[in-house]
Amino acid sequence: RSNSLSRSRGAMNSKLTHRLLPLSEAGVAEAGDCLEAPRGLFCLPAVVNIGVQKAGTGELQTWLGAHPLMLAHGGEVHFFDGLRPSAAMLRCGQRQRTNLRQRYARHLWHRRPLSRDNVGAAASSAMAAGAPLVRRLAYEKTPAYFDLSNPALLACAVPRAELLVMLRAPAARAISAYQMCAGHIHGKWCQASIDEAIGSALTRSASGSVPRLRRRHLSPQLKRLLTMGMYSAHLHRWLEHFDAAQMRILWLEALRGGGAWSTDPRHGRHASSRVGSSTSSRSPSSAWTRCSASSACRPTTTAPRRRGTRRVFGSSASQSRRARGEGGSRESAERLLRDR
């Protein structure tokens, strides 16, 4: 483990230089920069895990949070999914950008005050504002961002942040989310079994010999439970505001199986066959793949063909790169840090 962490540390040091700025200069801050105020530091995240619910976001945060160069928030932030933006905020002018970054950074750390020591600042306590700051990598995760937040707001606050998207076979994810509601939240909409809830909607919407599931017959909660698995539609929303090179897709099945399969969401016939249409729990490739701007990528093992699967994203992939390592979630998380 120590050797792996040392390699991770060396690979990341060149990418962990951010700035220390006064809070008033939040308008020029980038993802990863820290804003200094009388009450302490407020760091903008360099990495944001935007979902999805019940796809292992908490498990990944546990592993990443154990890394000495990671500064994980520790819980779910729920900042952007609670915002109701005005038209002016969506235009993201200088004033709106400054205000949004200040609010985001303060909200992120208001329950966990930061100092130069615990963010890994240089030893000098007299560091000038704007000086380079070699520090731990700030990270936050809120699964609700994937389908409930406006991507334009996150892009306004941290346009150069890297996004992690954890996915899971849609049927397995939906069942897990429903079981969580029934077992822990005890909501009125999930008191019946999931078979009964969906069966009731099918019965009410049946017309002719083939019953169909119509959204208007679903409760808002059950509708969200099912439409969250339409991954391609949600990913397209995010790709309107972030470059695909900023987005890393990880499958829960692969993370637990020894590798975290990821792909540039613009490319890959195999990726599109899984995104938004797969209901299989079969694990994707164990390869850890990183796409570059010059060459598309794809998993090194062929995904099973499925009838009726349409291509969601662009041209098929042509090349791939594999980062080798041992199996298991911890090793997968370490490879994520080394590849960053």
Protein backbone atom coordinates (compact mmCIF):
# COMPACT_ATOMS: atom_id res chain seq x y z
CA ARG A 1 0.00 0.00 0.00
CA SER A 2 2.79 2.44 0.90
CA ASN A 3 4.44 1.92 -2.50
CA SER A 4 1.15 2.52 -4.28
CA LEU A 5 0.49 5.69 -2.31
CA SER A 6 4.02 6.92 -2.96
CA ARG A 7 3.56 6.46 -6.69
CA SER A 8 0.22 8.27 -6.46
CA ARG A 9 1.84 11.12 -4.54
CA GLY A 10 4.58 11.55 -7.15
CA ALA A 11 2.16 11.48 -10.06
CA MET A 12 -0.11 14.08 -8.49
CA ASN A 13 2.38 16.58 -7.07
CA SER A 14 2.67 18.45 -10.37
CA LYS A 15 -1.10 18.84 -10.51
CA LEU A 16 -1.71 20.00 -6.95
CA THR A 17 -0.40 23.53 -7.26
CA HIS A 18 -3.28 25.92 -6.73
CA ARG A 19 -3.60 29.49 -5.56
CA LEU A 20 -4.37 31.10 -2.24
CA LEU A 21 -6.59 34.12 -2.89
CA PRO A 22 -8.52 36.61 -0.78
CA LEU A 23 -12.22 35.82 -0.58
CA SER A 24 -12.95 39.05 -2.45
CA GLU A 25 -11.10 37.70 -5.51
CA ALA A 26 -13.32 34.65 -5.88
CA GLY A 27 -14.28 35.82 -9.36
CA VAL A 28 -10.85 34.84 -10.73
CA ALA A 29 -10.53 31.63 -8.69
CA GLU A 30 -10.28 28.27 -10.42
CA ALA A 31 -11.24 24.77 -9.32
CA GLY A 32 -8.91 23.79 -6.49
CA ASP A 33 -8.02 27.33 -5.42
CA CYS A 34 -8.46 28.30 -1.78
CA LEU A 35 -10.13 31.53 -0.69
CA GLU A 36 -8.85 33.09 2.53
CA ALA A 37 -11.18 34.92 4.90
CA PRO A 38 -10.84 36.04 8.54
CA ARG A 39 -12.61 32.87 9.65
CA GLY A 40 -10.28 30.55 7.75
CA LEU A 41 -9.85 29.00 4.32
CA PHE A 42 -12.59 27.94 1.93
CA CYS A 43 -11.33 25.74 -0.90
CA LEU A 44 -13.14 25.19 -4.17
CA PRO A 45 -13.14 21.50 -5.13
CA ALA A 46 -10.93 20.28 -7.96
CA VAL A 47 -12.98 17.07 -8.28
CA VAL A 48 -16.76 16.75 -7.96
CA ASN A 49 -18.56 13.40 -7.86
CA ILE A 50 -21.99 14.16 -9.31
CA GLY A 51 -23.64 10.76 -8.88
CA VAL A 52 -25.50 8.63 -9.27
CA GLN A 53 -27.46 7.61 -6.21
CA LYS A 54 -26.82 4.02 -5.01
CA ALA A 55 -23.89 3.55 -7.37
CA GLY A 56 -21.06 3.48 -4.84
CA THR A 57 -20.31 7.20 -4.45
CA GLY A 58 -19.96 6.81 -0.68
CA GLU A 59 -17.69 3.78 -1.03
CA LEU A 60 -15.42 5.62 -3.44
CA GLN A 61 -15.29 8.64 -1.13
CA THR A 62 -14.18 6.37 1.71
CA TRP A 63 -11.23 5.07 -0.30
CA LEU A 64 -10.26 8.44 -1.73
CA GLY A 65 -10.60 10.10 1.66
CA ALA A 66 -7.99 7.70 3.06
CA HIS A 67 -5.40 9.00 0.61
CA PRO A 68 -2.99 11.51 2.19
CA LEU A 69 -3.34 13.93 -0.72
CA MET A 70 -7.14 13.98 -0.72
CA LEU A 71 -9.22 16.53 1.17
CA ALA A 72 -12.68 14.99 1.07
CA HIS A 73 -15.70 16.86 2.39
CA GLY A 74 -16.94 13.69 4.07
CA GLY A 75 -20.67 13.94 3.44
CA GLU A 76 -23.05 15.15 0.77
CA VAL A 77 -22.92 18.88 0.13
CA HIS A 78 -26.28 19.45 -1.64
CA PHE A 79 -25.48 22.96 -2.80
CA PHE A 80 -26.37 23.04 -6.49
CA ASP A 81 -29.40 20.75 -6.31
CA GLY A 82 -31.00 23.22 -3.90
CA LEU A 83 -30.40 26.36 -5.99
CA ARG A 84 -33.19 27.98 -7.95
CA PRO A 85 -31.18 30.20 -10.28
CA SER A 86 -32.30 33.51 -11.67
CA ALA A 87 -31.75 34.43 -15.29
CA ALA A 88 -28.89 36.70 -14.23
CA MET A 89 -27.17 33.86 -12.37
CA LEU A 90 -27.39 31.62 -15.43
CA ARG A 91 -25.71 34.31 -17.54
CA CYS A 92 -22.70 33.91 -15.21
CA GLY A 93 -21.35 37.43 -15.38
CA GLN A 94 -18.41 38.52 -13.25
CA ARG A 95 -20.59 39.60 -10.34
CA GLN A 96 -22.68 36.43 -10.39
CA ARG A 97 -19.59 34.24 -10.74
CA THR A 98 -17.88 35.86 -7.74
CA ASN A 99 -20.98 35.56 -5.58
CA LEU A 100 -21.61 31.93 -6.57
CA ARG A 101 -18.04 30.85 -5.83
CA GLN A 102 -18.05 32.56 -2.45
CA ARG A 103 -21.35 30.94 -1.51
CA TYR A 104 -20.26 27.51 -2.75
CA ALA A 105 -16.90 27.54 -0.96
CA ARG A 106 -18.45 28.75 2.30
CA HIS A 107 -21.29 26.23 2.13
CA LEU A 108 -18.83 23.43 1.45
CA TRP A 109 -16.69 24.01 4.52
CA HIS A 110 -18.93 25.87 6.98
CA ARG A 111 -19.12 22.80 9.26
CA ARG A 112 -15.48 21.87 8.84
CA PRO A 113 -13.22 24.92 9.14
CA LEU A 114 -9.98 24.68 7.18
CA SER A 115 -6.57 26.15 7.90
CA ARG A 116 -3.30 26.31 6.03
CA ASP A 117 -2.10 23.34 8.02
CA ASN A 118 -4.88 20.90 7.20
CA VAL A 119 -4.99 21.79 3.51
CA GLY A 120 -1.25 21.13 3.24
CA ALA A 121 -0.07 24.66 2.57
CA ALA A 122 3.61 25.51 2.41
CA ALA A 123 5.35 25.94 5.75
CA SER A 124 5.64 29.71 5.48
CA SER A 125 2.86 31.39 7.43
CA ALA A 126 3.54 34.66 5.66
CA MET A 127 2.60 33.37 2.21
CA ALA A 128 1.50 36.21 -0.03
CA ALA A 129 -1.96 36.20 -1.56
CA GLY A 130 -1.91 34.66 -5.01
CA ALA A 131 1.19 32.57 -4.31
CA PRO A 132 1.21 28.92 -5.46
CA LEU A 133 -0.18 26.55 -2.87
CA VAL A 134 0.84 22.89 -2.94
CA ARG A 135 -1.91 21.16 -1.07
CA ARG A 136 -4.32 18.29 -0.81
CA LEU A 137 -6.89 17.79 -3.54
CA ALA A 138 -10.32 19.09 -2.48
CA TYR A 139 -13.15 16.73 -3.37
CA GLU A 140 -16.90 16.69 -2.84
CA LYS A 141 -19.69 14.34 -3.81
CA THR A 142 -23.43 14.85 -4.08
CA PRO A 143 -25.26 12.15 -6.10
CA ALA A 144 -28.33 14.36 -6.49
CA TYR A 145 -26.38 16.71 -8.77
CA PHE A 146 -26.62 14.19 -11.62
CA ASP A 147 -30.33 14.65 -12.24
CA LEU A 148 -31.53 17.49 -9.98
CA SER A 149 -28.98 20.27 -10.44
CA ASN A 150 -28.45 22.65 -13.33
CA PRO A 151 -25.04 21.86 -14.90
CA ALA A 152 -24.69 25.52 -15.92
CA LEU A 153 -24.36 26.52 -12.25
CA LEU A 154 -21.56 24.08 -11.50
CA ALA A 155 -19.83 25.16 -14.72
CA CYS A 156 -20.11 28.79 -13.62
CA ALA A 157 -18.59 28.07 -10.20
CA VAL A 158 -15.82 25.62 -11.17
CA PRO A 159 -15.63 25.39 -14.99
CA ARG A 160 -12.33 23.47 -14.93
CA ALA A 161 -13.27 20.93 -12.28
CA GLU A 162 -13.03 17.24 -13.08
CA LEU A 163 -16.31 15.36 -12.78
CA LEU A 164 -16.66 11.80 -11.54
CA VAL A 165 -19.80 9.95 -12.61
CA MET A 166 -20.41 6.59 -10.96
CA LEU A 167 -22.94 4.40 -12.74
CA ARG A 168 -24.53 1.07 -11.98
CA ALA A 169 -26.72 -1.33 -13.96
CA PRO A 170 -29.98 0.70 -14.02
CA ALA A 171 -32.30 -2.05 -12.77
CA ALA A 172 -29.99 -2.95 -9.88
CA ARG A 173 -29.59 0.73 -9.00
CA ALA A 174 -33.35 1.35 -8.99
CA ILE A 175 -34.05 -1.68 -6.81
CA SER A 176 -31.33 -0.67 -4.36
CA ALA A 177 -32.70 2.88 -4.12
CA TYR A 178 -36.24 1.60 -3.55
CA GLN A 179 -35.03 -0.78 -0.84
CA MET A 180 -33.20 2.09 0.88
CA CYS A 181 -36.42 4.10 0.92
CA ALA A 182 -38.47 1.20 2.24
CA GLY A 183 -35.92 0.15 4.85
CA HIS A 184 -34.58 3.46 6.14
CA ILE A 185 -36.61 6.44 4.93
CA HIS A 186 -40.04 4.80 5.26
CA GLY A 187 -41.65 7.12 2.72
CA LYS A 188 -45.30 6.69 1.88
CA TRP A 189 -44.52 6.17 -1.80
CA CYS A 190 -42.30 3.13 -1.12
CA GLN A 191 -44.39 1.20 1.39
CA ALA A 192 -45.39 -1.43 -1.16
CA SER A 193 -42.84 -3.67 -2.83
CA ILE A 194 -41.23 -2.33 -5.99
CA ASP A 195 -42.98 -5.06 -8.00
CA GLU A 196 -46.34 -3.92 -6.65
CA ALA A 197 -45.58 -0.23 -7.26
CA ILE A 198 -44.56 -0.73 -10.88
CA GLY A 199 -47.21 -3.39 -11.45
CA SER A 200 -49.88 -0.95 -10.29
CA ALA A 201 -48.66 1.67 -12.75
CA LEU A 202 -48.63 -0.91 -15.54
CA THR A 203 -52.16 -1.98 -14.72
CA ARG A 204 -53.51 1.56 -14.73
CA SER A 205 -51.83 2.39 -18.02
CA ALA A 206 -52.62 -0.86 -19.81
CA SER A 207 -54.18 -0.39 -23.21
CA GLY A 208 -54.73 -3.28 -25.52
CA SER A 209 -52.81 -6.50 -25.06
CA VAL A 210 -49.41 -4.92 -24.28
CA PRO A 211 -49.25 -2.94 -21.01
CA ARG A 212 -47.06 0.14 -21.03
CA LEU A 213 -45.56 2.15 -18.24
CA ARG A 214 -46.60 5.78 -18.62
CA ARG A 215 -44.95 8.50 -16.57
CA ARG A 216 -48.18 10.23 -15.68
CA HIS A 217 -49.25 7.16 -13.72
CA LEU A 218 -46.14 7.21 -11.55
CA SER A 219 -45.61 9.14 -8.35
CA PRO A 220 -42.94 11.87 -8.66
CA GLN A 221 -40.57 9.81 -6.50
CA LEU A 222 -41.00 6.61 -8.49
CA LYS A 223 -40.69 8.55 -11.72
CA ARG A 224 -37.34 9.94 -10.60
CA LEU A 225 -36.26 6.50 -9.43
CA LEU A 226 -36.71 5.11 -12.95
CA THR A 227 -35.67 8.08 -15.09
CA MET A 228 -32.40 8.43 -13.16
CA GLY A 229 -31.30 5.29 -14.99
CA MET A 230 -31.65 7.03 -18.38
CA TYR A 231 -27.98 7.87 -18.17
CA SER A 232 -27.50 9.10 -21.71
CA ALA A 233 -30.07 11.89 -21.37
CA HIS A 234 -28.48 13.19 -18.18
CA LEU A 235 -24.94 12.91 -19.53
CA HIS A 236 -25.89 14.98 -22.56
CA ARG A 237 -27.03 17.78 -20.22
CA TRP A 238 -23.63 17.80 -18.54
CA LEU A 239 -21.75 17.64 -21.83
CA GLU A 240 -23.40 20.89 -22.89
CA HIS A 241 -21.39 22.68 -20.18
CA PHE A 242 -18.29 20.53 -19.57
CA ASP A 243 -15.76 19.11 -21.99
CA ALA A 244 -15.84 15.33 -22.20
CA ALA A 245 -12.16 15.21 -21.22
CA GLN A 246 -13.18 16.56 -17.79
CA MET A 247 -15.58 13.69 -17.16
CA ARG A 248 -14.60 10.28 -15.80
CA ILE A 249 -17.19 7.50 -15.81
CA LEU A 250 -16.82 4.63 -13.34
CA TRP A 251 -19.02 1.57 -13.08
CA LEU A 252 -19.70 0.23 -9.59
CA GLU A 253 -19.51 -3.37 -10.82
CA ALA A 254 -16.02 -2.78 -12.22
CA LEU A 255 -14.83 -0.82 -9.18
CA ARG A 256 -15.68 -3.72 -6.90
CA GLY A 257 -14.38 -6.24 -9.38
CA GLY A 258 -10.84 -4.87 -9.50
CA GLY A 259 -10.87 -2.14 -12.11
CA ALA A 260 -12.77 1.06 -12.71
CA TRP A 261 -13.85 1.20 -16.33
CA SER A 262 -14.12 4.71 -17.63
CA THR A 263 -14.48 6.29 -21.00
CA ASP A 264 -14.78 9.62 -22.67
CA PRO A 265 -18.60 9.87 -22.86
CA ARG A 266 -18.45 11.13 -26.45
CA HIS A 267 -16.97 7.91 -27.76
CA GLY A 268 -17.47 4.21 -27.70
CA ARG A 269 -20.09 1.92 -29.16
CA HIS A 270 -19.76 -0.23 -26.06
CA ALA A 271 -20.17 2.73 -23.74
CA SER A 272 -23.40 3.78 -25.43
CA SER A 273 -24.76 0.26 -25.22
CA ARG A 274 -24.43 0.51 -21.45
CA VAL A 275 -25.36 4.13 -20.83
CA GLY A 276 -29.09 4.54 -20.40
CA SER A 277 -30.14 1.16 -21.71
CA SER A 278 -28.41 -1.62 -19.83
CA THR A 279 -30.29 -3.57 -17.22
CA SER A 280 -27.67 -6.26 -16.84
CA SER A 281 -25.59 -6.57 -13.69
CA ARG A 282 -22.71 -8.05 -15.66
CA SER A 283 -19.50 -6.24 -14.83
CA PRO A 284 -17.97 -4.03 -17.51
CA SER A 285 -14.35 -4.47 -18.49
CA SER A 286 -11.85 -4.50 -15.68
CA ALA A 287 -9.60 -2.23 -17.73
CA TRP A 288 -8.93 1.28 -16.47
CA THR A 289 -9.17 3.38 -19.58
CA ARG A 290 -8.35 7.03 -20.02
CA CYS A 291 -9.28 8.84 -23.20
CA SER A 292 -7.18 11.56 -24.72
CA ALA A 293 -8.20 14.34 -27.06
CA SER A 294 -6.31 12.76 -29.96
CA SER A 295 -7.55 9.19 -29.64
CA ALA A 296 -10.86 7.75 -28.57
CA CYS A 297 -10.98 4.75 -26.28
CA ARG A 298 -13.05 1.73 -25.51
CA PRO A 299 -13.02 -1.13 -23.03
CA THR A 300 -10.65 -3.93 -23.89
CA THR A 301 -13.31 -6.59 -23.58
CA THR A 302 -16.34 -6.64 -25.80
CA ALA A 303 -19.61 -5.70 -24.16
CA PRO A 304 -22.54 -8.04 -24.86
CA ARG A 305 -24.73 -7.02 -27.76
CA ARG A 306 -28.28 -6.06 -26.95
CA ARG A 307 -31.25 -5.76 -29.20
CA GLY A 308 -32.75 -2.36 -29.67
CA THR A 309 -29.78 -0.49 -28.27
CA ARG A 310 -29.26 2.71 -30.19
CA ARG A 311 -26.04 4.60 -30.29
CA VAL A 312 -26.15 7.58 -28.00
CA PHE A 313 -22.75 9.14 -28.50
CA GLY A 314 -20.54 9.82 -31.52
CA SER A 315 -18.10 7.72 -33.52
CA SER A 316 -16.89 4.34 -32.29
CA ALA A 317 -13.66 4.06 -30.37
CA SER A 318 -10.40 3.06 -31.98
CA GLN A 319 -7.74 2.79 -29.29
CA SER A 320 -7.49 2.18 -25.55
CA ARG A 321 -4.95 2.45 -22.82
CA ARG A 322 -4.89 0.11 -19.86
CA ALA A 323 -3.48 0.89 -16.46
CA ARG A 324 -2.58 -2.36 -14.75
CA GLY A 325 -2.99 -3.09 -11.07
CA GLU A 326 -4.38 -5.48 -8.52
CA GLY A 327 -8.09 -5.96 -8.00
CA GLY A 328 -10.26 -4.37 -5.37
CA SER A 329 -11.87 -1.04 -4.62
CA ARG A 330 -8.82 0.45 -2.86
CA GLU A 331 -6.53 -0.28 -5.80
CA SER A 332 -9.11 1.12 -8.21
CA ALA A 333 -9.26 4.34 -6.22
CA GLU A 334 -5.47 4.60 -6.21
CA ARG A 335 -5.37 4.14 -9.99
CA LEU A 336 -7.88 6.96 -10.30
CA LEU A 337 -5.51 9.27 -8.41
CA ARG A 338 -2.44 8.19 -10.39
CA ASP A 339 -4.23 8.69 -13.72
CA ARG A 340 -5.51 12.13 -12.82
